[in-house]
Amino acid sequence: MRGLDRVDVERMFPLVGKTRTRGHHLRLKGRSFKTEMRRNFFSQRVVNLWNSLPQKAMEEDQNLDGKMDRLNFRLELPLQPSEQVYNVQFILTFSYKLFRMSTFMMQSMAYAYFSSSIPGSQFTVNGDLKLHQREPLRHKGVDTRYNVSIFNDGSPFASAYDVARVIASYQDRNVTTTFSNQYPVWTAGRAADAPFVINAVIRYPVEIITYRPGFWEMIKVAWIQYVSILLIFLWVFAKIKLFVFQNHVLTAIMVPPYKQHQL
């Protein structure tokens, strides 16, 4: 709150970047120091522990239609024998893209939370990643207004990663994704040397997306309706005209096409 947590994140926790080595893609870069004091700083002690976290994330195409249908995520957290886990909350981020009818790109997320009075050894959750719209999408151009990170990566403050603030900022968007139809399972009884395991299965269901069509697209789809309405109108108008003239509903006066000149 008073600026005491202002640090240069990129200098304090530099990432390895793209590499072919094993491990997750957010591995920290270790450094060598001459003094024992600098080597025992917090920013250096957590490097090996963070990089050793086993993370597995794999998407599957179950119906072989060329599109991914679900995400299988697994994370193992090593714990001390005296440590216990009573609640879990995590955020998974996604790159959400649409290319048909409307070109739309955004960075979205799935949030899950579970709490128990009994210490657990594993948390498993199944659910659907659903699109939530407060307004229709645009029909032309590339909509990238929400294609920004869920987290404020450029902020040096720890408050930028506060879950309540992240969710509140995310909910201000007009187009989001929600982790719905959740079925959490909490497993108790962890062995002393066993890690705490998080398993998440997130499915991508078929969505109904609303967007504002363009003029020519609307004409292409609706011209049959317009023509059918026009034909009905012409038929009714012809019947009314025939009835009016046959039954002399209106007084008709014949007017010669030109004036006759007397010689």
Protein backbone atom coordinates (compact mmCIF):
# COMPACT_ATOMS: atom_id res chain seq x y z
CA MET A 1 0.00 0.00 0.00
CA ARG A 2 2.90 2.38 0.75
CA GLY A 3 5.12 1.29 -2.13
CA LEU A 4 7.23 -1.00 0.05
CA ASP A 5 6.65 -3.95 -2.31
CA ARG A 6 7.94 -2.09 -5.38
CA VAL A 7 10.44 -4.40 -7.07
CA ASP A 8 11.70 -4.92 -10.60
CA VAL A 9 10.05 -8.26 -11.33
CA GLU A 10 11.99 -8.90 -14.54
CA ARG A 11 15.33 -8.40 -12.77
CA MET A 12 14.39 -10.21 -9.57
CA PHE A 13 12.70 -13.21 -11.27
CA PRO A 14 14.06 -13.48 -14.86
CA LEU A 15 12.52 -16.22 -17.00
CA VAL A 16 14.52 -18.76 -18.97
CA GLY A 17 12.43 -18.14 -22.06
CA LYS A 18 11.89 -20.63 -24.86
CA THR A 19 13.97 -23.75 -24.36
CA ARG A 20 13.92 -27.42 -25.24
CA THR A 21 14.70 -28.52 -21.70
CA ARG A 22 12.11 -30.32 -19.60
CA GLY A 23 9.73 -28.50 -17.29
CA HIS A 24 7.03 -25.88 -17.56
CA HIS A 25 7.30 -22.75 -19.73
CA LEU A 26 7.61 -20.32 -16.78
CA ARG A 27 10.94 -21.60 -15.50
CA LEU A 28 13.13 -19.07 -13.66
CA LYS A 29 16.74 -18.40 -14.60
CA GLY A 30 19.28 -19.27 -11.92
CA ARG A 31 22.39 -17.20 -11.24
CA SER A 32 25.80 -17.81 -9.69
CA PHE A 33 27.14 -15.58 -6.91
CA LYS A 34 30.44 -15.41 -5.04
CA THR A 35 28.96 -14.67 -1.63
CA GLU A 36 26.86 -17.09 0.41
CA MET A 37 24.59 -14.29 1.59
CA ARG A 38 23.46 -13.38 -1.92
CA ARG A 39 23.00 -17.05 -2.80
CA ASN A 40 20.55 -17.47 0.08
CA PHE A 41 18.31 -14.59 -0.91
CA PHE A 42 14.66 -15.46 -1.35
CA SER A 43 14.75 -14.77 -5.11
CA GLN A 44 17.48 -17.44 -5.49
CA ARG A 45 16.22 -20.04 -3.01
CA VAL A 46 12.89 -20.42 -4.81
CA VAL A 47 14.41 -20.97 -8.28
CA ASN A 48 15.07 -24.71 -8.00
CA LEU A 49 11.81 -25.34 -6.13
CA TRP A 50 9.76 -23.41 -8.71
CA ASN A 51 11.47 -25.00 -11.73
CA SER A 52 10.98 -28.49 -10.31
CA LEU A 53 7.20 -28.17 -10.20
CA PRO A 54 5.89 -30.88 -12.56
CA GLN A 55 3.18 -29.48 -14.79
CA LYS A 56 1.32 -31.36 -17.50
CA ALA A 57 -1.19 -29.72 -19.81
CA MET A 58 -2.52 -31.48 -22.90
CA GLU A 59 -5.42 -30.68 -25.22
CA GLU A 60 -7.38 -33.47 -26.90
CA ASP A 61 -9.43 -33.72 -30.08
CA GLN A 62 -11.83 -36.46 -29.06
CA ASN A 63 -14.09 -36.48 -32.14
CA LEU A 64 -11.22 -35.96 -34.62
CA ASP A 65 -12.80 -32.90 -36.26
CA GLY A 66 -9.59 -30.87 -36.22
CA LYS A 67 -10.66 -28.81 -33.18
CA MET A 68 -9.62 -29.29 -29.58
CA ASP A 69 -12.42 -30.52 -27.32
CA ARG A 70 -10.90 -30.45 -23.84
CA LEU A 71 -7.84 -29.62 -21.74
CA ASN A 72 -6.25 -32.05 -19.27
CA PHE A 73 -4.20 -30.19 -16.66
CA ARG A 74 -2.13 -31.69 -13.85
CA LEU A 75 0.11 -29.94 -11.32
CA GLU A 76 2.06 -31.54 -8.49
CA LEU A 77 3.09 -29.36 -5.54
CA PRO A 78 5.84 -30.80 -3.31
CA LEU A 79 5.18 -30.25 0.40
CA GLN A 80 6.99 -30.76 3.65
CA PRO A 81 5.69 -33.63 5.84
CA SER A 82 4.32 -31.09 8.33
CA GLU A 83 2.49 -29.02 5.68
CA GLN A 84 -1.21 -29.53 4.97
CA VAL A 85 -3.57 -28.18 2.31
CA TYR A 86 -7.11 -27.18 3.29
CA ASN A 87 -8.22 -25.08 0.31
CA VAL A 88 -7.29 -24.56 -3.32
CA GLN A 89 -7.92 -21.74 -5.76
CA PHE A 90 -6.33 -21.43 -9.17
CA ILE A 91 -6.67 -19.51 -12.42
CA LEU A 92 -5.95 -21.00 -15.84
CA THR A 93 -5.59 -18.56 -18.72
CA PHE A 94 -6.63 -19.26 -22.32
CA SER A 95 -6.12 -17.69 -25.73
CA TYR A 96 -9.69 -17.59 -27.09
CA LYS A 97 -10.06 -17.05 -30.86
CA LEU A 98 -12.97 -16.98 -33.31
CA PHE A 99 -12.48 -16.77 -37.07
CA ARG A 100 -15.89 -17.48 -38.63
CA MET A 101 -18.61 -14.84 -39.09
CA SER A 102 -16.72 -12.67 -36.59
CA THR A 103 -12.96 -12.42 -36.03
CA PHE A 104 -12.46 -12.12 -32.28
CA MET A 105 -9.41 -12.68 -30.06
CA MET A 106 -9.14 -12.40 -26.30
CA GLN A 107 -7.22 -13.65 -23.29
CA SER A 108 -9.70 -15.41 -21.02
CA MET A 109 -9.55 -17.49 -17.87
CA ALA A 110 -11.09 -20.29 -15.83
CA TYR A 111 -11.30 -19.90 -12.04
CA ALA A 112 -11.86 -22.67 -9.50
CA TYR A 113 -11.99 -22.65 -5.70
CA PHE A 114 -12.57 -25.34 -3.10
CA SER A 115 -12.21 -25.43 0.68
CA SER A 116 -12.41 -28.30 3.17
CA SER A 117 -11.99 -28.75 6.91
CA ILE A 118 -10.05 -31.96 6.21
CA PRO A 119 -6.51 -31.74 4.80
CA GLY A 120 -6.32 -33.14 1.30
CA SER A 121 -3.92 -34.94 -0.99
CA GLN A 122 -5.58 -34.22 -4.33
CA PHE A 123 -8.09 -31.87 -5.87
CA THR A 124 -9.87 -32.84 -9.10
CA VAL A 125 -12.37 -30.70 -10.95
CA ASN A 126 -14.32 -31.18 -14.19
CA GLY A 127 -16.20 -28.44 -15.98
CA ASP A 128 -16.97 -26.50 -19.16
CA LEU A 129 -15.32 -23.36 -20.46
CA LYS A 130 -18.36 -21.33 -21.57
CA LEU A 131 -18.43 -18.07 -23.49
CA HIS A 132 -20.39 -15.28 -21.79
CA GLN A 133 -21.52 -12.24 -23.81
CA ARG A 134 -23.13 -9.01 -22.67
CA GLU A 135 -23.17 -7.66 -26.23
CA PRO A 136 -23.03 -9.12 -29.76
CA LEU A 137 -19.67 -9.36 -31.48
CA ARG A 138 -18.69 -7.21 -34.45
CA HIS A 139 -19.12 -8.51 -37.99
CA LYS A 140 -16.10 -6.85 -39.59
CA GLY A 141 -12.51 -6.20 -38.66
CA VAL A 142 -10.43 -7.96 -36.03
CA ASP A 143 -11.73 -7.40 -32.50
CA THR A 144 -8.73 -7.46 -30.13
CA ARG A 145 -9.95 -5.10 -27.38
CA TYR A 146 -9.78 -7.92 -24.80
CA ASN A 147 -6.66 -9.58 -26.19
CA VAL A 148 -4.62 -8.45 -23.20
CA SER A 149 -3.20 -10.41 -20.29
CA ILE A 150 -5.51 -11.26 -17.40
CA PHE A 151 -2.75 -10.19 -15.05
CA ASN A 152 -1.02 -6.82 -15.11
CA ASP A 153 2.40 -8.24 -15.95
CA GLY A 154 3.98 -4.81 -16.12
CA SER A 155 3.04 -3.85 -12.56
CA PRO A 156 5.81 -4.18 -9.95
CA PHE A 157 3.26 -4.41 -7.12
CA ALA A 158 2.15 -7.68 -5.57
CA SER A 159 -1.41 -6.33 -5.48
CA ALA A 160 -1.57 -6.74 -9.27
CA TYR A 161 -1.80 -10.50 -8.67
CA ASP A 162 -4.51 -10.30 -6.01
CA VAL A 163 -7.20 -12.80 -7.04
CA ALA A 164 -10.11 -10.56 -6.00
CA ARG A 165 -8.78 -7.64 -8.07
CA VAL A 166 -8.03 -9.85 -11.06
CA ILE A 167 -11.55 -11.28 -11.07
CA ALA A 168 -13.17 -7.86 -10.57
CA SER A 169 -11.20 -6.41 -13.49
CA TYR A 170 -12.02 -9.44 -15.62
CA GLN A 171 -15.76 -9.14 -14.90
CA ASP A 172 -15.77 -5.57 -16.25
CA ARG A 173 -15.38 -7.01 -19.75
CA ASN A 174 -18.42 -7.45 -21.98
CA VAL A 175 -17.12 -10.77 -23.36
CA THR A 176 -15.60 -13.35 -20.99
CA THR A 177 -15.36 -17.08 -20.40
CA THR A 178 -16.61 -18.82 -17.27
CA PHE A 179 -15.69 -22.17 -15.78
CA SER A 180 -19.20 -23.57 -15.34
CA ASN A 181 -20.76 -26.96 -14.50
CA GLN A 182 -17.93 -27.65 -12.06
CA TYR A 183 -17.76 -31.03 -10.33
CA PRO A 184 -15.02 -30.81 -7.65
CA VAL A 185 -13.64 -33.88 -5.88
CA TRP A 186 -11.51 -33.51 -2.74
CA THR A 187 -9.30 -36.47 -1.79
CA ALA A 188 -8.01 -36.71 1.79
CA GLY A 189 -5.16 -38.70 3.27
CA ARG A 190 -1.83 -37.53 1.88
CA ALA A 191 1.32 -39.51 2.58
CA ALA A 192 4.19 -37.70 4.29
CA ASP A 193 6.44 -37.63 1.21
CA ALA A 194 3.68 -37.31 -1.41
CA PRO A 195 2.96 -34.06 -3.28
CA PHE A 196 -0.38 -32.31 -3.42
CA VAL A 197 -1.91 -32.92 -6.85
CA ILE A 198 -4.29 -30.67 -8.81
CA ASN A 199 -6.15 -32.26 -11.72
CA ALA A 200 -8.42 -30.22 -13.96
CA VAL A 201 -10.42 -31.37 -16.98
CA ILE A 202 -11.83 -28.41 -18.89
CA ARG A 203 -14.13 -29.15 -21.83
CA TYR A 204 -14.84 -26.83 -24.76
CA PRO A 205 -18.57 -27.26 -25.54
CA VAL A 206 -20.37 -26.19 -28.69
CA GLU A 207 -21.31 -22.52 -28.35
CA ILE A 208 -24.07 -20.29 -29.76
CA ILE A 209 -22.41 -16.95 -30.51
CA THR A 210 -24.35 -13.75 -31.17
CA TYR A 211 -22.98 -11.07 -33.51
CA ARG A 212 -24.28 -8.17 -35.59
CA PRO A 213 -24.37 -9.19 -39.27
CA GLY A 214 -23.39 -6.79 -42.03
CA PHE A 215 -25.80 -5.42 -44.64
CA TRP A 216 -24.86 -7.77 -47.48
CA GLU A 217 -24.77 -10.78 -45.19
CA MET A 218 -28.25 -9.92 -43.94
CA ILE A 219 -29.50 -9.54 -47.52
CA LYS A 220 -27.95 -12.85 -48.54
CA VAL A 221 -29.73 -14.69 -45.75
CA ALA A 222 -33.03 -12.76 -45.64
CA TRP A 223 -33.79 -12.09 -49.36
CA ILE A 224 -36.12 -15.11 -49.50
CA GLN A 225 -38.18 -13.66 -46.67
CA TYR A 226 -38.30 -10.25 -48.33
CA VAL A 227 -39.39 -11.74 -51.69
CA SER A 228 -42.07 -13.89 -50.07
CA ILE A 229 -43.48 -10.85 -48.23
CA LEU A 230 -43.43 -8.85 -51.49
CA LEU A 231 -45.30 -11.59 -53.40
CA ILE A 232 -47.97 -11.80 -50.71
CA PHE A 233 -48.36 -8.01 -50.76
CA LEU A 234 -48.71 -7.92 -54.58
CA TRP A 235 -51.32 -10.71 -54.51
CA VAL A 236 -53.38 -8.97 -51.83
CA PHE A 237 -53.09 -5.62 -53.63
CA ALA A 238 -54.28 -7.19 -56.92
CA LYS A 239 -57.33 -8.71 -55.18
CA ILE A 240 -58.23 -5.39 -53.55
CA LYS A 241 -57.90 -3.52 -56.86
CA LEU A 242 -60.08 -6.06 -58.65
CA PHE A 243 -62.76 -5.84 -55.95
CA VAL A 244 -62.77 -2.04 -55.98
CA PHE A 245 -63.23 -1.70 -59.73
CA GLN A 246 -65.66 -4.59 -60.21
CA ASN A 247 -68.02 -3.43 -57.46
CA HIS A 248 -67.71 0.30 -58.19
CA VAL A 249 -66.66 1.04 -54.67
CA LEU A 250 -65.10 4.28 -55.86
CA THR A 251 -66.61 6.70 -58.32
CA ALA A 252 -64.62 6.61 -61.53
CA ILE A 253 -64.52 9.52 -63.97
CA MET A 254 -63.10 9.02 -67.41
CA VAL A 255 -60.65 11.72 -68.42
CA PRO A 256 -59.69 11.96 -72.10
CA PRO A 257 -55.98 11.69 -72.74
CA TYR A 258 -55.96 15.03 -74.59
CA LYS A 259 -58.24 18.02 -75.11
CA GLN A 260 -60.43 18.04 -78.26
CA HIS A 261 -59.99 21.23 -80.26
CA GLN A 262 -63.00 22.66 -82.08
CA LEU A 263 -62.46 23.82 -85.62
